[in-house]
Amino acid sequence: MMATESQILEEAVRAIDHRYPTCTSFTSPEISEEFSRAKLAGLGREVFAVAFLNNQNQLLAYEELFQGSISSVEIHPREVVIPTPPRL
């Protein structure tokens, strides 16, 4: 039996989360780019996302705050400051 498209996408999300777990160190622009591409590639819409880092540039959390259309996303600044990353 072949996997469905949603099963494939769910597995891809798990693989990305496995490759970039909490506490991944963003020690270079290349790592940040790879992470962003992995998280956002293939989305059919614009997304405004935040990667929360500690003072050692380690990933605390990743959240997609806003989703838009294929060419734009409306961002509400008051909503950007509300999320707080989990405490480790």
Protein backbone atom coordinates (compact mmCIF):
# COMPACT_ATOMS: atom_id res chain seq x y z
CA MET A 1 0.00 0.00 0.00
CA MET A 2 1.31 3.44 -0.93
CA ALA A 3 1.44 6.29 1.54
CA THR A 4 -1.00 9.14 1.09
CA GLU A 5 0.16 12.69 0.49
CA SER A 6 -0.79 13.72 4.04
CA GLN A 7 1.15 10.77 5.49
CA ILE A 8 4.22 11.78 3.50
CA LEU A 9 3.92 15.40 4.66
CA GLU A 10 3.46 14.33 8.31
CA GLU A 11 6.59 12.19 8.07
CA ALA A 12 8.50 15.11 6.52
CA VAL A 13 7.50 17.32 9.45
CA ARG A 14 8.74 14.67 11.91
CA ALA A 15 12.03 14.39 9.99
CA ILE A 16 12.56 18.17 10.08
CA ASP A 17 11.77 18.29 13.82
CA HIS A 18 14.24 15.42 14.36
CA ARG A 19 16.96 17.21 12.39
CA TYR A 20 16.40 20.52 14.20
CA PRO A 21 15.39 19.66 17.78
CA THR A 22 15.02 22.16 20.60
CA CYS A 23 18.50 23.46 21.55
CA THR A 24 19.80 23.31 17.96
CA SER A 25 22.57 25.91 17.79
CA PHE A 26 22.29 28.52 15.07
CA THR A 27 26.01 29.15 14.79
CA SER A 28 26.05 30.38 11.18
CA PRO A 29 23.77 32.02 8.63
CA GLU A 30 23.85 28.78 6.65
CA ILE A 31 22.24 26.82 9.50
CA SER A 32 19.55 29.49 9.83
CA GLU A 33 18.90 29.32 6.10
CA GLU A 34 18.70 25.50 6.10
CA PHE A 35 16.30 25.57 9.06
CA SER A 36 14.08 28.20 7.43
CA ARG A 37 14.02 26.38 4.11
CA ALA A 38 13.18 23.09 5.79
CA LYS A 39 10.34 24.61 7.82
CA LEU A 40 8.86 26.81 5.09
CA ALA A 41 9.56 25.01 1.81
CA GLY A 42 6.53 23.66 0.08
CA LEU A 43 4.02 25.87 1.83
CA GLY A 44 1.46 27.20 -0.59
CA ARG A 45 1.07 30.48 1.26
CA GLU A 46 3.06 33.24 2.91
CA VAL A 47 3.91 32.58 6.56
CA PHE A 48 5.27 34.86 9.28
CA ALA A 49 7.19 32.67 11.70
CA VAL A 50 9.40 33.26 14.73
CA ALA A 51 12.31 31.15 15.92
CA PHE A 52 12.88 31.89 19.61
CA LEU A 53 16.58 31.62 20.52
CA ASN A 54 18.42 31.94 23.82
CA ASN A 55 21.59 34.01 24.29
CA GLN A 56 23.70 31.09 22.99
CA ASN A 57 21.67 31.10 19.75
CA GLN A 58 20.01 27.79 20.63
CA LEU A 59 16.47 27.09 19.47
CA LEU A 60 13.89 27.35 22.24
CA ALA A 61 10.77 27.25 20.09
CA TYR A 62 9.44 27.81 16.60
CA GLU A 63 5.99 29.25 15.95
CA GLU A 64 4.12 30.16 12.78
CA LEU A 65 2.21 33.25 13.92
CA PHE A 66 0.42 34.38 10.76
CA GLN A 67 -0.60 32.79 7.48
CA GLY A 68 -1.55 34.71 4.40
CA SER A 69 -2.29 34.22 0.76
CA ILE A 70 0.11 33.04 -1.91
CA SER A 71 1.64 36.52 -2.18
CA SER A 72 1.13 38.34 1.12
CA VAL A 73 0.49 38.02 4.83
CA GLU A 74 -1.06 40.55 7.17
CA ILE A 75 0.97 40.95 10.37
CA HIS A 76 -0.41 42.54 13.53
CA PRO A 77 2.53 43.88 15.60
CA ARG A 78 0.59 43.67 18.86
CA GLU A 79 0.18 39.92 18.27
CA VAL A 80 3.90 39.39 17.61
CA VAL A 81 4.91 40.43 21.13
CA ILE A 82 2.32 38.25 22.87
CA PRO A 83 3.89 34.76 22.33
CA THR A 84 6.49 33.75 24.87
CA PRO A 85 8.78 30.78 24.35
CA PRO A 86 8.69 27.92 26.84
CA ARG A 87 11.17 28.04 29.68
CA LEU A 88 13.86 25.36 29.62
